[in-house]
Protein backbone atom coordinates (compact mmCIF):
# COMPACT_ATOMS: atom_id res chain seq x y z
CA MET A 1 0.00 0.00 0.00
CA GLU A 2 2.94 2.33 0.54
CA PHE A 3 3.78 2.07 -3.15
CA ILE A 4 0.23 3.09 -4.03
CA ILE A 5 0.36 6.06 -1.68
CA PHE A 6 3.76 7.15 -3.01
CA THR A 7 2.59 6.83 -6.62
CA GLY A 8 -0.57 8.79 -5.91
CA PHE A 9 1.44 11.58 -4.30
CA VAL A 10 3.78 11.85 -7.31
CA VAL A 11 0.85 11.89 -9.72
CA ILE A 12 -0.86 14.66 -7.77
CA LEU A 13 2.34 16.71 -7.74
CA ILE A 14 2.62 16.44 -11.51
CA LEU A 15 -1.04 17.36 -12.03
CA LEU A 16 -0.72 20.40 -9.82
CA SER A 17 2.56 21.52 -11.38
CA ASN A 18 1.05 23.09 -14.46
CA LEU A 19 -1.60 25.09 -12.58
CA ARG A 20 0.61 26.15 -9.72
CA GLY A 21 3.43 27.17 -12.06
CA ARG A 22 1.16 29.49 -14.01
CA VAL A 23 -0.24 31.07 -10.85
CA TRP A 24 3.29 31.66 -9.55
CA LYS A 25 4.30 33.30 -12.82
CA LEU A 26 1.30 35.59 -12.78
CA GLU A 27 2.07 36.66 -9.22
CA GLN A 28 5.71 37.40 -10.09
CA LEU A 29 4.74 39.38 -13.18
CA ALA A 30 2.19 41.37 -11.21
CA GLN A 31 4.72 42.29 -8.54
CA ARG A 32 7.39 43.19 -11.11
CA ASN A 33 5.08 45.44 -13.12
CA LEU A 34 3.69 47.07 -9.99
CA VAL A 35 7.20 48.04 -8.89
CA GLN A 36 8.03 49.29 -12.37
CA ASN A 37 4.90 51.44 -12.62
CA THR A 38 5.51 52.88 -9.16
CA ALA A 39 9.07 53.85 -10.11
CA GLU A 40 7.87 55.57 -13.29
CA VAL A 41 5.31 57.61 -11.35
CA ASN A 42 7.93 58.72 -8.80
CA HIS A 43 10.33 59.73 -11.56
CA GLN A 44 7.66 61.79 -13.31
CA THR A 45 6.77 63.52 -10.02
CA GLN A 46 10.36 64.52 -9.32
CA THR A 47 10.91 65.84 -12.86
CA ASN A 48 7.78 67.91 -13.33
CA GLN A 49 7.28 68.88 -9.68
CA THR A 50 3.62 68.17 -10.23
CA VAL A 51 1.26 65.56 -9.04
CA ALA A 52 1.38 62.62 -11.40
CA GLU A 53 -1.73 61.07 -12.76
CA PRO A 54 -2.90 58.06 -10.76
CA ILE A 55 -2.10 54.64 -12.10
CA PRO A 56 -5.18 52.83 -13.38
CA ALA A 57 -6.32 50.11 -11.07
CA ASN A 58 -6.31 47.55 -13.83
CA ASN A 59 -2.84 48.41 -15.13
CA VAL A 60 -1.19 45.45 -13.47
CA THR A 61 -3.93 43.14 -14.61
CA GLN A 62 -3.59 44.27 -18.21
CA THR A 63 0.18 43.88 -18.18
CA VAL A 64 -0.06 40.44 -16.70
CA ALA A 65 -2.65 39.43 -19.26
CA VAL A 66 -0.38 40.50 -22.08
CA ASN A 67 2.80 38.94 -20.76
CA SER A 68 1.13 35.74 -19.70
CA GLY A 69 0.32 35.01 -23.31
CA THR A 70 3.93 34.03 -24.03
CA GLY A 71 4.27 30.33 -24.71
CA THR A 72 5.86 28.15 -22.05
CA THR A 73 6.37 24.41 -21.97
CA TRP A 74 5.13 22.12 -19.25
CA ILE A 75 8.76 21.56 -18.25
CA ASP A 76 9.15 25.27 -17.50
CA ASP A 77 5.91 25.29 -15.56
CA PHE A 78 6.98 22.30 -13.51
CA THR A 79 10.37 23.89 -12.82
CA ASP A 80 8.74 27.11 -11.64
CA TRP A 81 6.32 25.19 -9.46
CA ALA A 82 9.13 23.11 -7.95
CA LYS A 83 11.07 26.26 -7.00
CA GLU A 84 8.23 27.56 -4.86
CA ASP A 85 8.26 26.10 -1.33
CA TRP A 86 10.61 23.40 -2.56
CA LEU A 87 11.67 22.53 0.95
CA LEU A 88 8.06 21.86 1.90
CA LYS A 89 7.49 19.66 -1.13
CA LEU A 90 10.73 17.76 -0.58
CA GLY A 91 9.90 17.22 3.07
CA ALA A 92 6.40 16.01 2.21
CA LEU A 93 7.85 13.55 -0.27
CA LEU A 94 10.30 12.21 2.32
CA LEU A 95 7.49 11.88 4.86
CA ILE A 96 5.41 9.87 2.41
CA ILE A 97 8.33 7.58 1.63
CA GLY A 98 9.13 7.17 5.31
CA PHE A 99 5.47 6.51 6.10
CA GLY A 100 5.40 3.87 3.38
CA TRP A 101 8.51 2.14 4.73
CA LEU A 102 7.15 2.23 8.26
CA THR A 103 3.90 0.74 7.12
CA THR A 104 5.71 -1.96 5.15
CA TYR A 105 7.85 -2.88 8.10
CA ALA A 106 4.83 -3.00 10.36
CA PHE A 107 2.95 -5.20 7.89
CA LEU A 108 5.84 -7.60 7.41
CA ASN A 109 6.20 -8.04 11.16
CA ASN A 110 2.43 -8.25 11.58
CA TRP A 111 2.37 -5.33 14.01
CA ILE A 112 -0.91 -4.13 12.54
CA GLY A 113 -3.81 -6.23 11.29
CA PRO A 114 -5.82 -5.50 8.13
CA MET A 115 -8.32 -3.34 9.99
CA GLY A 116 -5.55 -1.36 11.63
CA ARG A 117 -3.79 -0.85 8.32
CA ILE A 118 -6.89 0.60 6.70
CA THR A 119 -7.61 2.75 9.77
CA LEU A 120 -4.05 4.03 9.77
CA GLY A 121 -4.31 5.07 6.11
CA ILE A 122 -7.61 6.89 6.64
CA ILE A 123 -6.29 8.66 9.74
CA ALA A 124 -3.13 9.71 7.88
CA GLY A 125 -5.18 11.11 5.01
CA SER A 126 -7.47 12.94 7.42
CA LEU A 127 -4.50 14.49 9.22
CA PHE A 128 -3.10 15.72 5.91
CA ILE A 129 -6.48 17.27 5.08
CA LEU A 130 -6.68 19.01 8.46
CA LEU A 131 -3.10 20.23 8.06
CA GLY A 132 -3.90 21.57 4.62
CA TYR A 133 -7.05 23.32 5.79
CA TRP A 134 -5.11 24.96 8.62
CA ARG A 135 -2.22 25.94 6.34
CA ILE A 136 -4.29 27.25 3.44
CA LYS A 137 -5.53 30.17 5.54
CA ASN A 138 -2.15 31.84 5.20
CA TYR A 139 -0.46 29.93 2.37
CA ILE A 140 -2.79 28.84 -0.39
CA ASN A 141 -0.20 26.86 -2.35
CA GLN A 142 1.03 24.89 0.64
CA GLY A 143 -2.45 24.22 1.96
CA SER A 144 -3.64 23.05 -1.45
CA VAL A 145 -0.84 20.48 -1.65
CA PHE A 146 -1.74 19.01 1.74
CA LEU A 147 -5.48 18.97 1.01
CA VAL A 148 -5.10 17.14 -2.28
CA LEU A 149 -2.51 14.82 -0.75
CA GLY A 150 -4.82 13.91 2.12
CA SER A 151 -7.78 13.21 -0.15
CA THR A 152 -5.60 11.10 -2.42
CA VAL A 153 -4.33 9.05 0.52
CA ILE A 154 -7.91 8.34 1.60
CA LEU A 155 -8.93 7.34 -1.93
CA LEU A 156 -5.99 4.98 -2.29
CA THR A 157 -6.53 3.53 1.18
CA VAL A 158 -10.19 2.79 0.50
CA PHE A 159 -9.22 1.32 -2.87
CA ALA A 160 -6.72 -1.01 -1.16
CA ALA A 161 -9.36 -1.94 1.42
CA ARG A 162 -11.77 -2.97 -1.36
CA GLU A 163 -9.22 -4.61 -3.63
CA VAL A 164 -7.04 -6.48 -1.12
CA TYR A 165 -9.14 -7.06 1.99
CA ASP A 166 -12.67 -6.72 0.58
CA PHE A 167 -13.57 -4.18 3.28
CA PHE A 168 -16.48 -1.78 2.81
CA THR A 169 -19.33 -2.14 0.35
CA PRO A 170 -19.14 -0.29 -2.99
CA LEU A 171 -21.63 2.27 -1.70
CA SER A 172 -19.87 2.92 1.61
CA ALA A 173 -16.50 3.12 -0.12
CA LEU A 174 -17.86 5.61 -2.64
CA VAL A 175 -19.44 7.72 0.10
CA LEU A 176 -16.17 7.86 2.03
CA MET A 177 -14.24 8.89 -1.07
CA PHE A 178 -16.85 11.47 -1.98
CA LEU A 179 -16.69 13.06 1.47
CA SER A 180 -12.93 13.53 1.23
CA THR A 181 -13.18 15.13 -2.23
CA SER A 182 -16.12 17.27 -1.10
CA PHE A 183 -13.97 18.79 1.62
CA VAL A 184 -11.39 19.72 -0.99
CA ALA A 185 -14.18 21.30 -3.09
CA PHE A 186 -15.41 23.22 -0.03
CA ALA A 187 -11.92 24.60 0.55
CA SER A 188 -11.64 25.61 -3.11
CA VAL A 189 -14.85 27.65 -2.79
CA LYS A 190 -13.91 29.25 0.51
CA TYR A 191 -10.44 30.29 -0.67
CA ASN A 192 -11.36 30.73 -4.36
CA SER A 193 -8.72 28.32 -5.64
CA ARG A 194 -9.04 27.18 -9.25
CA ALA A 195 -6.52 24.36 -8.83
CA LEU A 196 -8.36 22.90 -5.85
CA ALA A 197 -11.68 23.06 -7.70
CA LEU A 198 -10.29 21.17 -10.67
CA MET A 199 -8.50 18.62 -8.49
CA SER A 200 -11.63 18.00 -6.42
CA LEU A 201 -13.52 17.24 -9.64
CA VAL A 202 -10.75 14.96 -10.87
CA LEU A 203 -10.58 13.05 -7.59
CA ALA A 204 -14.36 12.73 -7.41
CA GLY A 205 -14.40 11.49 -10.99
CA ILE A 206 -11.74 8.86 -10.33
CA ALA A 207 -13.55 7.48 -7.28
CA PRO A 208 -15.99 5.15 -9.15
CA LEU A 209 -13.02 3.39 -10.74
CA LEU A 210 -11.53 2.56 -7.34
CA ILE A 211 -14.44 0.93 -5.53
CA ALA A 212 -14.48 -2.39 -7.43
CA ALA A 213 -18.21 -2.13 -8.07
CA PRO A 214 -20.02 -4.52 -10.45
CA ALA A 215 -18.97 -3.69 -14.00
CA ASN A 216 -22.54 -3.42 -15.30
CA ASP A 217 -23.93 -1.24 -12.50
CA TYR A 218 -24.10 1.77 -14.81
CA VAL A 219 -27.19 3.34 -13.25
CA ALA A 220 -25.51 3.73 -9.85
CA ARG A 221 -22.35 5.04 -11.48
CA PHE A 222 -24.17 7.66 -13.54
CA THR A 223 -26.27 8.66 -10.53
CA TYR A 224 -23.07 9.36 -8.61
CA LEU A 225 -21.64 11.29 -11.56
CA PHE A 226 -24.78 13.40 -11.75
CA VAL A 227 -24.29 14.37 -8.10
CA VAL A 228 -20.66 15.24 -8.86
CA ILE A 229 -21.72 17.40 -11.82
CA LEU A 230 -24.23 19.27 -9.66
CA GLY A 231 -21.46 19.88 -7.15
CA ALA A 232 -19.27 21.29 -9.91
CA ILE A 233 -22.11 23.60 -10.97
CA TRP A 234 -22.43 24.74 -7.37
CA ILE A 235 -18.73 25.67 -7.34
CA VAL A 236 -19.14 27.56 -10.61
CA ALA A 237 -22.12 29.48 -9.23
CA LEU A 238 -20.10 30.61 -6.21
CA THR A 239 -16.70 31.23 -7.78
CA GLY A 240 -17.44 31.89 -11.45
CA ARG A 241 -14.89 29.30 -12.62
CA ARG A 242 -16.52 28.60 -15.98
CA GLU A 243 -13.81 26.19 -17.09
CA LEU A 244 -15.02 23.77 -14.43
CA ILE A 245 -18.14 23.15 -16.54
CA THR A 246 -16.00 22.09 -19.48
CA ALA A 247 -14.01 19.78 -17.22
CA ALA A 248 -17.25 18.26 -15.92
CA LEU A 249 -18.44 17.60 -19.47
CA ILE A 250 -15.12 15.95 -20.29
CA LEU A 251 -15.54 13.75 -17.23
CA ILE A 252 -19.01 12.48 -18.15
CA THR A 253 -17.91 12.01 -21.77
CA PHE A 254 -15.05 9.83 -20.56
CA TYR A 255 -17.50 7.53 -18.78
CA SER A 256 -19.79 7.52 -21.83
CA LEU A 257 -17.16 6.49 -24.39
CA PRO A 258 -17.42 2.73 -23.71
CA HIS A 259 -21.13 2.89 -24.50
CA PHE A 260 -20.54 4.68 -27.80
CA PHE A 261 -18.24 1.93 -29.07
CA SER A 262 -20.00 -1.09 -27.63
CA SER A 263 -22.52 -3.20 -29.51
CA TYR A 264 -24.17 -4.36 -26.29
CA LEU A 265 -25.55 -1.92 -23.76
CA VAL A 266 -27.07 -2.49 -20.34
CA ASP A 267 -29.89 -0.26 -19.09
CA THR A 268 -29.92 1.59 -22.40
CA GLU A 269 -33.13 3.52 -21.82
CA LYS A 270 -32.13 4.62 -18.33
CA LEU A 271 -28.69 5.78 -19.46
CA LEU A 272 -30.28 7.71 -22.31
CA PHE A 273 -32.41 9.63 -19.80
CA PHE A 274 -29.25 10.32 -17.81
CA SER A 275 -27.72 11.83 -20.96
CA TYR A 276 -30.78 14.07 -21.28
CA ALA A 277 -30.29 15.18 -17.67
CA PHE A 278 -26.60 15.94 -18.19
CA THR A 279 -27.33 17.81 -21.42
CA SER A 280 -30.03 19.89 -19.73
CA VAL A 281 -27.72 20.87 -16.88
CA PHE A 282 -24.90 21.91 -19.19
CA PHE A 283 -27.33 23.68 -21.55
CA ILE A 284 -28.93 25.78 -18.80
CA THR A 285 -25.59 26.56 -17.18
CA SER A 286 -24.03 27.69 -20.46
CA ILE A 287 -27.04 29.82 -21.38
CA LEU A 288 -27.03 31.58 -18.00
CA GLY A 289 -23.28 32.06 -18.14
CA ILE A 290 -23.44 33.74 -21.56
CA ILE A 291 -26.37 35.97 -20.57
CA LYS A 292 -24.78 37.09 -17.29
CA GLN A 293 -21.51 38.14 -18.90
CA PRO A 294 -22.49 39.77 -22.21
CA ASP A 295 -19.29 41.82 -22.50
CA LYS A 296 -16.76 39.22 -21.36
CA ASN A 297 -14.88 36.40 -23.02
CA ILE A 298 -17.30 33.47 -23.38
CA SER A 299 -15.06 31.08 -25.29
CA THR A 300 -15.30 28.51 -22.48
CA ASP A 301 -19.10 28.56 -22.56
CA LEU A 302 -19.12 28.32 -26.34
CA LEU A 303 -16.80 25.33 -26.24
CA THR A 304 -19.00 23.65 -23.64
CA SER A 305 -22.14 24.36 -25.66
CA GLY A 306 -20.74 22.84 -28.84
CA ALA A 307 -19.37 19.78 -27.06
CA ASN A 308 -22.65 19.37 -25.20
CA GLY A 309 -24.55 19.16 -28.49
CA LEU A 310 -22.17 16.51 -29.81
CA PHE A 311 -22.44 14.59 -26.53
CA LEU A 312 -26.23 14.54 -26.80
CA LEU A 313 -26.18 13.52 -30.47
CA ALA A 314 -23.77 10.66 -29.78
CA TRP A 315 -26.05 9.26 -27.05
CA ILE A 316 -29.19 9.55 -29.19
CA MET A 317 -27.60 7.86 -32.19
CA THR A 318 -26.19 5.12 -29.95
CA ALA A 319 -28.98 4.34 -27.49
CA ALA A 320 -32.28 5.71 -28.83
CA PRO A 321 -34.67 3.31 -30.65
CA ASP A 322 -34.46 3.68 -34.42
CA GLU A 323 -38.12 4.58 -34.80
CA TRP A 324 -37.78 7.43 -32.27
CA LYS A 325 -34.40 8.89 -33.21
CA SER A 326 -35.65 11.54 -35.64
CA LEU A 327 -38.40 12.75 -33.30
CA ILE A 328 -36.05 12.95 -30.30
CA ILE A 329 -33.44 14.83 -32.31
CA ALA A 330 -36.08 17.22 -33.67
CA ALA A 331 -37.32 17.97 -30.14
CA TRP A 332 -33.80 18.79 -28.92
CA MET A 333 -33.18 20.82 -32.06
CA ILE A 334 -36.09 23.07 -31.11
CA VAL A 335 -34.63 23.47 -27.61
CA PHE A 336 -31.24 24.58 -28.92
CA ALA A 337 -32.88 26.84 -31.52
CA VAL A 338 -34.86 28.63 -28.81
CA GLY A 339 -31.66 29.01 -26.80
CA ALA A 340 -29.85 30.52 -29.80
CA PHE A 341 -32.67 32.99 -30.41
CA LEU A 342 -32.89 34.07 -26.75
CA ILE A 343 -29.15 34.63 -26.46
CA PHE A 344 -29.04 36.70 -29.62
CA LYS A 345 -32.00 38.84 -28.57
CA ILE A 346 -30.71 39.42 -25.04
CA THR A 347 -26.99 39.89 -25.67
CA SER A 348 -26.89 40.76 -29.42
CA ARG A 349 -23.75 38.62 -29.68
CA LYS A 350 -23.29 36.60 -32.83
CA GLU A 351 -20.81 34.02 -31.53
CA PRO A 352 -23.33 32.15 -29.34
CA PHE A 353 -25.84 32.21 -32.17
CA TYR A 354 -23.34 30.61 -34.53
CA VAL A 355 -22.55 27.86 -32.04
CA TYR A 356 -26.15 27.02 -31.17
CA ALA A 357 -27.24 27.34 -34.78
CA GLY A 358 -24.47 24.91 -35.69
CA ILE A 359 -25.77 22.48 -33.09
CA CYS A 360 -29.30 22.78 -34.49
CA ILE A 361 -28.05 22.17 -38.00
CA ALA A 362 -26.07 19.11 -36.90
CA LEU A 363 -29.16 17.74 -35.14
CA LEU A 364 -31.31 18.44 -38.17
CA ALA A 365 -28.82 16.68 -40.44
CA ALA A 366 -28.74 13.69 -38.08
CA ALA A 367 -32.53 13.50 -37.94
CA THR A 368 -32.72 13.65 -41.72
CA SER A 369 -30.09 10.95 -42.19
CA ALA A 370 -31.98 8.74 -39.73
CA GLU A 371 -35.07 8.85 -41.93
CA LEU A 372 -33.67 9.22 -45.46
CA SER A 373 -30.79 7.97 -47.56
CA GLY A 374 -29.28 8.25 -51.03
CA GLU A 375 -30.66 10.80 -53.47
CA THR A 376 -33.61 11.64 -51.22
CA LEU A 377 -31.19 12.61 -48.48
CA THR A 378 -29.31 14.95 -50.83
CA ILE A 379 -32.53 16.67 -51.88
CA ALA A 380 -33.60 17.01 -48.25
CA TYR A 381 -30.25 18.54 -47.27
CA THR A 382 -30.54 21.01 -50.14
CA ILE A 383 -34.00 22.18 -49.15
CA GLU A 384 -33.11 22.32 -45.45
CA SER A 385 -30.01 24.43 -46.14
CA ALA A 386 -32.07 26.96 -48.10
CA VAL A 387 -34.84 27.07 -45.51
CA ILE A 388 -32.33 27.61 -42.68
CA ALA A 389 -30.70 30.52 -44.52
CA ILE A 390 -34.02 32.22 -45.28
CA ILE A 391 -35.48 31.70 -41.81
CA SER A 392 -32.33 33.01 -40.15
CA PHE A 393 -32.63 36.18 -42.23
CA LEU A 394 -36.34 36.64 -41.57
CA VAL A 395 -35.89 36.13 -37.81
CA LEU A 396 -32.62 37.96 -37.20
CA ARG A 397 -32.70 40.44 -40.09
CA ASP A 398 -28.97 39.95 -40.46
CA VAL A 399 -27.95 39.20 -44.04
CA GLN A 400 -24.37 38.51 -43.05
CA ILE A 401 -25.40 35.59 -40.83
CA ALA A 402 -27.82 34.28 -43.45
CA GLN A 403 -25.17 34.32 -46.16
CA ARG A 404 -22.64 32.55 -43.97
CA ILE A 405 -25.17 29.81 -43.40
CA ASN A 406 -25.06 29.21 -47.17
CA PHE A 407 -21.85 27.28 -46.59
CA LEU A 408 -24.16 24.45 -45.56
CA PHE A 409 -24.61 23.74 -49.27
CA ILE A 410 -21.16 22.17 -49.23
CA VAL A 411 -22.75 18.95 -47.93
CA PRO A 412 -25.39 18.47 -50.66
CA ILE A 413 -22.88 19.58 -53.30
CA MET A 414 -20.47 16.86 -52.18
CA LEU A 415 -23.29 14.31 -52.18
CA SER A 416 -24.41 15.36 -55.67
CA PHE A 417 -21.19 14.16 -57.29
CA ASP A 418 -22.51 10.60 -57.19
CA SER A 419 -25.62 11.74 -59.05
CA MET A 420 -23.49 13.26 -61.82
CA SER A 421 -21.56 10.04 -62.44
CA SER A 422 -24.44 7.60 -61.98
CA ARG A 423 -24.92 4.88 -64.61
CA VAL A 424 -28.65 5.59 -64.90
CA TRP A 425 -27.83 8.48 -67.25
CA ARG A 426 -27.01 5.91 -69.90
CA THR A 427 -30.58 4.64 -70.14
CA SER A 428 -33.03 7.38 -69.13
CA VAL A 429 -33.46 11.06 -68.31
CA PHE A 430 -36.01 11.32 -65.53
CA HIS A 431 -34.89 9.58 -62.35
CA LYS A 432 -33.76 10.49 -58.81
CA GLU A 433 -30.36 11.75 -59.98
CA PHE A 434 -32.08 14.12 -62.39
CA PHE A 435 -34.12 15.71 -59.62
CA VAL A 436 -31.09 15.94 -57.33
CA LEU A 437 -29.27 18.15 -59.85
CA LEU A 438 -32.44 20.04 -60.77
CA VAL A 439 -33.39 20.88 -57.19
CA LEU A 440 -29.84 21.82 -56.23
CA GLY A 441 -29.42 24.09 -59.26
CA LEU A 442 -32.79 25.82 -58.84
CA VAL A 443 -32.35 26.30 -55.08
CA LEU A 444 -28.88 27.81 -55.45
CA MET A 445 -29.99 30.18 -58.21
CA GLY A 446 -33.15 31.14 -56.35
CA LEU A 447 -31.28 31.84 -53.12
CA GLY A 448 -28.61 33.80 -54.97
CA TRP A 449 -31.28 35.90 -56.71
CA PHE A 450 -33.06 36.46 -53.37
CA PHE A 451 -29.96 37.89 -51.68
CA LEU A 452 -28.91 39.78 -54.79
CA GLU A 453 -32.21 41.67 -54.78
CA LEU A 454 -31.61 42.63 -51.16
CA PHE A 455 -28.26 44.21 -52.06
CA ARG A 456 -29.24 45.74 -55.39
CA GLU A 457 -29.11 49.28 -53.95
CA ALA A 458 -26.40 48.59 -51.39
CA ALA A 459 -22.77 49.59 -51.77
CA ASP A 460 -21.39 46.47 -50.09
CA LYS A 461 -19.72 44.52 -52.89
CA LYS A 462 -18.78 41.57 -50.70
CA HIS A 463 -22.37 40.49 -50.14
CA LYS A 464 -23.15 40.97 -53.83
CA GLU A 465 -20.24 38.72 -54.75
CA ILE A 466 -21.53 35.98 -52.46
CA SER A 467 -24.97 36.21 -54.04
CA ALA A 468 -23.43 36.13 -57.51
CA ALA A 469 -21.43 33.05 -56.53
CA LEU A 470 -24.64 31.24 -55.58
CA LEU A 471 -26.14 32.15 -58.95
CA ILE A 472 -23.07 30.95 -60.82
CA ILE A 473 -22.85 27.64 -58.97
CA GLY A 474 -26.56 27.06 -59.51
CA SER A 475 -26.22 27.76 -63.23
CA ILE A 476 -23.34 25.29 -63.48
CA TYR A 477 -25.68 22.60 -62.19
CA THR A 478 -28.19 23.49 -64.90
CA TYR A 479 -25.45 23.18 -67.52
CA ILE A 480 -24.47 19.77 -66.18
CA LEU A 481 -28.10 18.70 -66.11
CA LEU A 482 -28.59 19.84 -69.70
CA TRP A 483 -25.49 17.98 -70.87
CA LEU A 484 -26.43 14.72 -69.13
CA SER A 485 -30.08 14.91 -70.19
CA LEU A 486 -29.31 15.52 -73.87
CA HIS A 487 -26.76 12.71 -73.99
CA ALA A 488 -29.26 10.37 -72.31
CA ALA A 489 -32.19 11.37 -74.54
CA LEU A 490 -30.48 11.50 -77.95
CA LEU A 491 -28.97 8.48 -79.61
CA ASN A 492 -26.33 10.53 -81.39
CA ASN A 493 -23.76 11.86 -78.91
CA ASP A 494 -22.41 14.37 -81.44
CA THR A 495 -25.81 15.98 -81.74
CA ALA A 496 -26.20 16.13 -77.95
CA THR A 497 -22.76 17.70 -77.61
CA MET A 498 -23.49 20.25 -80.36
CA LEU A 499 -26.82 21.29 -78.82
CA SER A 500 -25.26 21.62 -75.37
CA LEU A 501 -22.41 23.79 -76.62
CA VAL A 502 -24.77 25.94 -78.65
CA VAL A 503 -26.93 26.57 -75.60
CA TYR A 504 -23.83 27.41 -73.54
CA THR A 505 -22.71 29.85 -76.23
CA ILE A 506 -26.09 31.58 -76.38
CA VAL A 507 -26.22 31.95 -72.60
CA GLY A 508 -22.65 33.23 -72.50
CA LEU A 509 -23.32 35.83 -75.18
CA MET A 510 -26.52 37.00 -73.51
CA ILE A 511 -24.74 37.47 -70.19
CA TYR A 512 -21.85 39.25 -71.92
CA PHE A 513 -24.06 41.85 -73.62
CA TYR A 514 -26.11 42.27 -70.46
CA SER A 515 -22.92 43.06 -68.53
CA LEU A 516 -21.96 45.68 -71.13
CA THR A 517 -25.20 47.59 -70.67
CA ASN A 518 -25.71 47.11 -66.94
CA GLY A 519 -22.14 46.91 -65.74
CA GLY A 520 -20.68 44.20 -63.56
CA LYS A 521 -17.20 42.73 -63.85
CA ILE A 522 -18.31 39.46 -62.29
CA LEU A 523 -20.90 38.84 -65.00
CA ARG A 524 -18.42 39.73 -67.71
CA LEU A 525 -15.86 37.36 -66.24
CA TYR A 526 -18.51 34.66 -65.91
CA SER A 527 -19.56 34.99 -69.56
CA GLY A 528 -15.93 34.92 -70.64
CA LEU A 529 -15.29 31.72 -68.71
CA LEU A 530 -18.39 30.08 -70.14
CA LEU A 531 -17.48 30.98 -73.73
CA GLY A 532 -13.88 29.99 -73.06
CA PHE A 533 -15.05 26.59 -71.89
CA VAL A 534 -16.98 26.11 -75.14
CA ILE A 535 -13.98 27.03 -77.30
CA LEU A 536 -11.52 24.90 -75.33
CA ARG A 537 -13.92 21.99 -75.41
CA LEU A 538 -14.20 22.26 -79.19
CA LEU A 539 -10.47 22.62 -79.81
CA PHE A 540 -9.08 20.04 -77.41
CA VAL A 541 -11.85 17.46 -76.89
CA ASP A 542 -14.62 17.39 -79.47
CA ILE A 543 -12.34 17.87 -82.44
CA TRP A 544 -10.96 14.38 -81.73
CA ARG A 545 -14.19 12.66 -80.67
CA MET A 546 -16.90 13.95 -83.02
CA ALA A 547 -17.46 12.64 -86.50
CA LEU A 548 -16.53 14.88 -89.41
CA ALA A 549 -20.13 15.93 -90.10
CA GLY A 550 -20.74 16.76 -86.47
CA ARG A 551 -17.55 18.79 -86.28
CA VAL A 552 -18.48 20.81 -89.37
CA VAL A 553 -21.96 21.65 -88.13
CA THR A 554 -20.87 22.43 -84.59
CA PHE A 555 -17.93 24.62 -85.57
CA PHE A 556 -19.99 26.48 -88.19
CA VAL A 557 -22.93 27.16 -85.85
CA ILE A 558 -20.85 28.37 -82.91
CA GLY A 559 -18.45 30.27 -85.16
CA LEU A 560 -21.30 32.13 -86.86
CA MET A 561 -22.81 33.09 -83.50
CA LEU A 562 -19.51 34.50 -82.33
CA VAL A 563 -18.91 36.39 -85.58
CA ALA A 564 -22.43 37.83 -85.43
CA THR A 565 -21.52 39.63 -82.23
CA ALA A 566 -19.50 42.08 -84.36
CA PHE A 567 -22.76 43.42 -85.79
CA LEU A 568 -24.58 43.69 -82.45
CA GLY A 569 -24.46 46.72 -80.23
CA LYS A 570 -22.28 48.73 -82.66
CA ARG A 571 -23.29 52.21 -83.74
CA LYS A 572 -22.82 53.31 -87.31
CA GLN A 573 -19.73 55.48 -87.72
CA ASN A 574 -19.87 58.59 -89.90
């Protein structure tokens, strides 16, 4: 058992090194900058013989925030942590080693029975906790080390009692471990220590792994974890340590991973309801955190919100019945959508809206994939992407957000590639692949025209370019659809190719002359690219593939159309 205690102590020292090193650096930087600012004020007073302006109260804080951004390795952090109170840490390590040797010698000579050994370990851990609580009043770093050390000793002692001597029941062992970690959490709240709060959560999270409980008793384990999560939320409410919520979500995700990758689950329905409870707690906490600090950095809450949505989706896709998956996902999608709307209306911040809107979109995509597949799924994604963009504009009246949501079309565009290369184009025209390309082309052009009309009188060229891009991409799908349809409908491929290129040429010329009269470099460039494609196709592809008669007709028709442009739009010169 002395080896276990020694190992636990070393592990705790390493875990605390990173946090304690950073705190020590911040304190040193604050003191250094405070002295420097004071010296500058005194020098200015002596030179000007006037009263210097007072130093802003947040000057030190700002300087520390800037300097603390420099990158440091974990080795540097550990070195800095080891320098602080190094005699105390070295002495504590020697005491642990000596205690372990004493215990070993006593065990080998049978001085102490099993009950006495366990009692001795619990008493030693309790004494360390009391010492830490007494010491932390004046020295936070030293007291934190003793508190965490004492709780760790108790956890390892109870683990040895369960594993070696079969003392305690799983419930009593878990309660004893939880009490020791709860005291550490209480001290973290009272003395506002971030390191203690995180370590109390880590120790409480490790406890279920040390009680040797039945492997399939998942309900009891998740009940305990829910209590731990509520305790973490309580600490956040009192101290404002938002990062503790993220750590709590990581903890419950760690215990959920085996269920995500296992084909056999026990108590599936009950665990699914636990996931709903965890998601609700994290959702409400994140919402309140964002609303209460509208002008502060909310990156931690945003990270938690996004991860919370993925956590929920993973549980639904893993444990929910197939016939209920889409309905469950749709219900949660509404919940997250309402949260996104409330945050935007209350705080007017776009970042939370993007995160929660992304969660809603992911849930909608999952619900759609659970019900549909293949070409139908692609069409559904296309329509959903357009509806989301339009609704976001109508609700928020923010075109910038609506246009950014158009990036959702990347998914149906990627899925549509299979429809372009499908073998069914060899035999018929009207089939699912036809409607995939038709719907995608019409939706993209319609959405591009919708946003282009909104910016017709505006001076913002960026938004006009995005709208024009939607129109162009949509038109490309119509060109592809025309090409595939003609080659599927006509027996002669040369005729289908000629008709397609003629139509492309006509469209390109129409757009070119329209751009001359109405302006627009984008349209002129677009028409040039379209006509360039026709010419390059004729010169490098069709000239080798088409029969002689087809080449003659195609080259003559397109050539005459291009030559005819010399007589269009030209005024007679005197």
